[in-house]
């Protein structure tokens, strides 16, 4: 019980085609394909946005570290001159 044979699947497919027709099924398939493509694009756009945000944060941290190092160097030179 619970096992579906290939013949049962073919009978169900035939009934679906007879009920809806090939044009309707083709339209449903293309709509479903478009929805999946849109979902994948949205997911990749979100991942790209997260990667861009992380890169900007890393760049800001690196710039802040460089500014701090430059400021410390300037302070040390000022102390040596004094």
N, C-alpha and C. Protein backbone atom coordinates (compact mmCIF):
# COMPACT_ATOMS: atom_id res chain seq x y z
N UNK A 1 0.84 -1.18 0.00
CA UNK A 1 0.00 0.00 0.00
C UNK A 1 0.89 1.25 0.00
N UNK A 2 0.54 2.22 -0.78
CA UNK A 2 1.31 3.45 -0.83
C UNK A 2 2.29 3.48 -1.99
N UNK A 3 2.50 2.34 -2.66
CA UNK A 3 3.38 2.30 -3.82
C UNK A 3 2.58 2.68 -5.06
N UNK A 4 3.12 3.60 -5.84
CA UNK A 4 2.44 4.05 -7.06
C UNK A 4 3.23 3.51 -8.24
N UNK A 5 2.55 2.80 -9.13
CA UNK A 5 3.23 2.24 -10.30
C UNK A 5 3.24 3.26 -11.43
N UNK A 6 4.02 2.96 -12.45
CA UNK A 6 4.12 3.84 -13.60
C UNK A 6 2.79 3.94 -14.33
N UNK A 7 2.02 2.85 -14.34
CA UNK A 7 0.72 2.86 -15.02
C UNK A 7 -0.26 3.80 -14.32
N UNK A 8 -0.22 3.82 -13.02
CA UNK A 8 -1.10 4.72 -12.27
C UNK A 8 -0.74 6.17 -12.54
N UNK A 9 0.57 6.46 -12.62
CA UNK A 9 1.01 7.82 -12.94
C UNK A 9 0.58 8.24 -14.34
N UNK A 10 0.68 7.31 -15.29
CA UNK A 10 0.26 7.62 -16.66
C UNK A 10 -1.24 7.88 -16.74
N UNK A 11 -2.02 7.13 -16.03
CA UNK A 11 -3.47 7.33 -16.02
C UNK A 11 -3.82 8.69 -15.41
N UNK A 12 -3.17 9.05 -14.33
CA UNK A 12 -3.41 10.36 -13.70
C UNK A 12 -2.99 11.48 -14.65
N UNK A 13 -1.84 11.33 -15.32
CA UNK A 13 -1.38 12.34 -16.27
C UNK A 13 -2.36 12.49 -17.42
N UNK A 14 -2.89 11.39 -17.93
CA UNK A 14 -3.87 11.43 -19.01
C UNK A 14 -5.14 12.15 -18.58
N UNK A 15 -5.61 11.88 -17.39
CA UNK A 15 -6.81 12.54 -16.87
C UNK A 15 -6.57 14.05 -16.72
N UNK A 16 -5.40 14.42 -16.22
CA UNK A 16 -5.07 15.85 -16.06
C UNK A 16 -5.04 16.53 -17.42
N UNK A 17 -4.44 15.90 -18.41
CA UNK A 17 -4.38 16.49 -19.76
C UNK A 17 -5.78 16.62 -20.33
N UNK A 18 -6.62 15.63 -20.12
CA UNK A 18 -7.98 15.71 -20.64
C UNK A 18 -8.79 16.80 -19.94
N UNK A 19 -8.57 16.99 -18.65
CA UNK A 19 -9.32 18.00 -17.91
C UNK A 19 -8.89 19.42 -18.27
N UNK A 20 -7.59 19.65 -18.31
CA UNK A 20 -7.09 21.02 -18.48
C UNK A 20 -6.70 21.36 -19.91
N UNK A 21 -6.30 20.39 -20.68
CA UNK A 21 -5.83 20.67 -22.03
C UNK A 21 -4.36 21.04 -22.02
N UNK A 22 -3.72 20.87 -23.17
CA UNK A 22 -2.28 21.09 -23.25
C UNK A 22 -1.91 22.57 -23.15
N UNK A 23 -2.74 23.44 -23.71
CA UNK A 23 -2.43 24.88 -23.65
C UNK A 23 -2.42 25.38 -22.22
N UNK A 24 -3.42 24.98 -21.47
CA UNK A 24 -3.52 25.41 -20.07
C UNK A 24 -2.33 24.86 -19.26
N UNK A 25 -1.98 23.60 -19.49
CA UNK A 25 -0.86 23.01 -18.77
C UNK A 25 0.46 23.68 -19.15
N UNK A 26 0.62 24.01 -20.44
CA UNK A 26 1.83 24.70 -20.89
C UNK A 26 1.94 26.07 -20.23
N UNK A 27 0.81 26.77 -20.15
CA UNK A 27 0.79 28.09 -19.49
C UNK A 27 1.12 27.99 -18.01
N UNK A 28 0.57 26.98 -17.36
CA UNK A 28 0.87 26.78 -15.93
C UNK A 28 2.35 26.47 -15.74
N UNK A 29 2.90 25.62 -16.64
CA UNK A 29 4.33 25.27 -16.55
C UNK A 29 5.22 26.48 -16.73
N UNK A 30 4.89 27.33 -17.71
CA UNK A 30 5.73 28.52 -17.93
C UNK A 30 5.60 29.51 -16.78
N UNK A 31 4.40 29.64 -16.22
CA UNK A 31 4.22 30.51 -15.06
C UNK A 31 5.01 30.00 -13.86
N UNK A 32 4.99 28.69 -13.65
CA UNK A 32 5.74 28.10 -12.55
C UNK A 32 7.23 28.27 -12.76
N UNK A 33 7.69 28.07 -13.99
CA UNK A 33 9.11 28.27 -14.30
C UNK A 33 9.54 29.71 -14.07
N UNK A 34 8.70 30.66 -14.47
CA UNK A 34 9.01 32.07 -14.25
C UNK A 34 9.07 32.41 -12.77
N UNK A 35 8.18 31.80 -11.99
CA UNK A 35 8.19 32.05 -10.55
C UNK A 35 9.46 31.50 -9.90
N UNK A 36 9.89 30.33 -10.34
CA UNK A 36 11.12 29.74 -9.79
C UNK A 36 12.32 30.60 -10.17
N UNK A 37 12.39 31.05 -11.42
CA UNK A 37 13.48 31.92 -11.85
C UNK A 37 13.50 33.21 -11.05
N UNK A 38 12.33 33.80 -10.83
CA UNK A 38 12.25 35.03 -10.03
C UNK A 38 12.71 34.81 -8.61
N UNK A 39 12.35 33.68 -8.03
CA UNK A 39 12.77 33.36 -6.67
C UNK A 39 14.28 33.20 -6.60
N UNK A 40 14.87 32.48 -7.56
CA UNK A 40 16.32 32.29 -7.58
C UNK A 40 17.04 33.63 -7.74
N UNK A 41 16.50 34.50 -8.61
CA UNK A 41 17.12 35.81 -8.83
C UNK A 41 17.07 36.65 -7.57
N UNK A 42 15.93 36.61 -6.88
CA UNK A 42 15.80 37.38 -5.64
C UNK A 42 16.77 36.86 -4.58
N UNK A 43 16.94 35.55 -4.50
CA UNK A 43 17.87 34.98 -3.53
C UNK A 43 19.30 35.37 -3.85
N UNK A 44 19.69 35.32 -5.12
CA UNK A 44 21.06 35.69 -5.49
C UNK A 44 21.28 37.19 -5.30
N UNK A 45 20.25 38.00 -5.57
CA UNK A 45 20.38 39.44 -5.33
C UNK A 45 20.57 39.73 -3.85
N UNK A 46 19.84 39.00 -3.00
CA UNK A 46 19.97 39.19 -1.56
C UNK A 46 21.35 38.78 -1.08
N UNK A 47 21.86 37.65 -1.60
CA UNK A 47 23.20 37.20 -1.22
C UNK A 47 24.24 38.20 -1.68
N UNK A 48 24.07 38.75 -2.89
CA UNK A 48 25.01 39.74 -3.41
C UNK A 48 24.98 41.00 -2.56
N UNK A 49 23.79 41.42 -2.15
CA UNK A 49 23.68 42.62 -1.31
C UNK A 49 24.36 42.39 0.04
N UNK A 50 24.21 41.20 0.61
CA UNK A 50 24.86 40.89 1.88
C UNK A 50 26.37 40.88 1.71
N UNK A 51 26.87 40.33 0.59
CA UNK A 51 28.31 40.30 0.33
C UNK A 51 28.85 41.73 0.15
N UNK A 52 28.09 42.56 -0.58
CA UNK A 52 28.51 43.96 -0.77
C UNK A 52 28.56 44.70 0.56
N UNK A 53 27.56 44.47 1.41
CA UNK A 53 27.52 45.13 2.72
C UNK A 53 28.72 44.71 3.56
N UNK A 54 29.04 43.42 3.55
CA UNK A 54 30.18 42.92 4.32
C UNK A 54 31.48 43.53 3.79
N UNK A 55 31.61 43.63 2.46
CA UNK A 55 32.81 44.21 1.87
C UNK A 55 32.96 45.67 2.27
N UNK A 56 31.84 46.41 2.29
CA UNK A 56 31.89 47.82 2.71
C UNK A 56 32.29 47.94 4.17
N UNK A 57 31.75 47.06 5.02
CA UNK A 57 32.11 47.10 6.44
C UNK A 57 33.58 46.78 6.64
N UNK A 58 34.08 45.77 5.92
CA UNK A 58 35.49 45.41 6.02
C UNK A 58 36.38 46.55 5.55
N UNK A 59 35.97 47.20 4.46
CA UNK A 59 36.73 48.33 3.93
C UNK A 59 36.75 49.49 4.93
N UNK A 60 35.61 49.73 5.58
CA UNK A 60 35.54 50.81 6.56
C UNK A 60 36.43 50.50 7.76
N UNK A 61 36.44 49.25 8.20
CA UNK A 61 37.31 48.86 9.32
C UNK A 61 38.78 49.02 8.95
N UNK A 62 39.13 48.62 7.74
CA UNK A 62 40.52 48.72 7.29
C UNK A 62 40.94 50.18 7.19
N UNK A 63 40.05 51.02 6.67
CA UNK A 63 40.36 52.45 6.57
C UNK A 63 40.53 53.07 7.95
N UNK A 64 39.66 52.68 8.89
CA UNK A 64 39.77 53.20 10.25
C UNK A 64 41.08 52.76 10.89
N UNK A 65 41.48 51.51 10.65
CA UNK A 65 42.74 51.02 11.20
C UNK A 65 43.92 51.77 10.60
N UNK A 66 43.88 52.04 9.30
CA UNK A 66 44.95 52.80 8.66
C UNK A 66 45.01 54.22 9.18
N UNK A 67 43.84 54.83 9.38
CA UNK A 67 43.81 56.19 9.93
C UNK A 67 44.37 56.24 11.34
N UNK A 68 44.04 55.24 12.14
CA UNK A 68 44.55 55.18 13.51
C UNK A 68 46.06 55.00 13.50
N UNK A 69 46.56 54.13 12.62
CA UNK A 69 48.00 53.91 12.53
C UNK A 69 48.72 55.19 12.08
N UNK A 70 48.15 55.89 11.11
CA UNK A 70 48.74 57.13 10.63
C UNK A 70 48.73 58.19 11.72
N UNK A 71 47.66 58.23 12.49
CA UNK A 71 47.55 59.19 13.57
C UNK A 71 48.58 58.89 14.65
N UNK A 72 48.77 57.62 14.98
CA UNK A 72 49.76 57.24 15.98
C UNK A 72 51.17 57.58 15.51
N UNK A 73 51.45 57.37 14.24
CA UNK A 73 52.76 57.71 13.69
C UNK A 73 53.00 59.21 13.78
N UNK A 74 51.99 59.99 13.45
CA UNK A 74 52.10 61.45 13.51
C UNK A 74 52.34 61.90 14.95
N UNK A 75 51.62 61.30 15.88
CA UNK A 75 51.80 61.65 17.29
C UNK A 75 53.21 61.29 17.77
N UNK A 76 53.74 60.17 17.34
CA UNK A 76 55.08 59.78 17.75
C UNK A 76 56.13 60.75 17.17
N UNK A 77 55.94 61.16 15.95
CA UNK A 77 56.87 62.13 15.34
C UNK A 77 56.81 63.46 16.09
N UNK A 78 55.60 63.87 16.45
CA UNK A 78 55.45 65.12 17.20
C UNK A 78 56.12 65.03 18.57
N UNK A 79 56.04 63.89 19.23
CA UNK A 79 56.69 63.70 20.52
C UNK A 79 58.20 63.70 20.38
N UNK A 80 58.71 63.11 19.31
CA UNK A 80 60.16 63.07 19.09
C UNK A 80 60.69 64.47 18.81
N UNK A 81 59.92 65.28 18.13
CA UNK A 81 60.35 66.63 17.80
C UNK A 81 60.30 67.55 19.02
N UNK A 82 59.44 67.22 19.97
CA UNK A 82 59.28 68.09 21.14
C UNK A 82 60.35 67.91 22.16
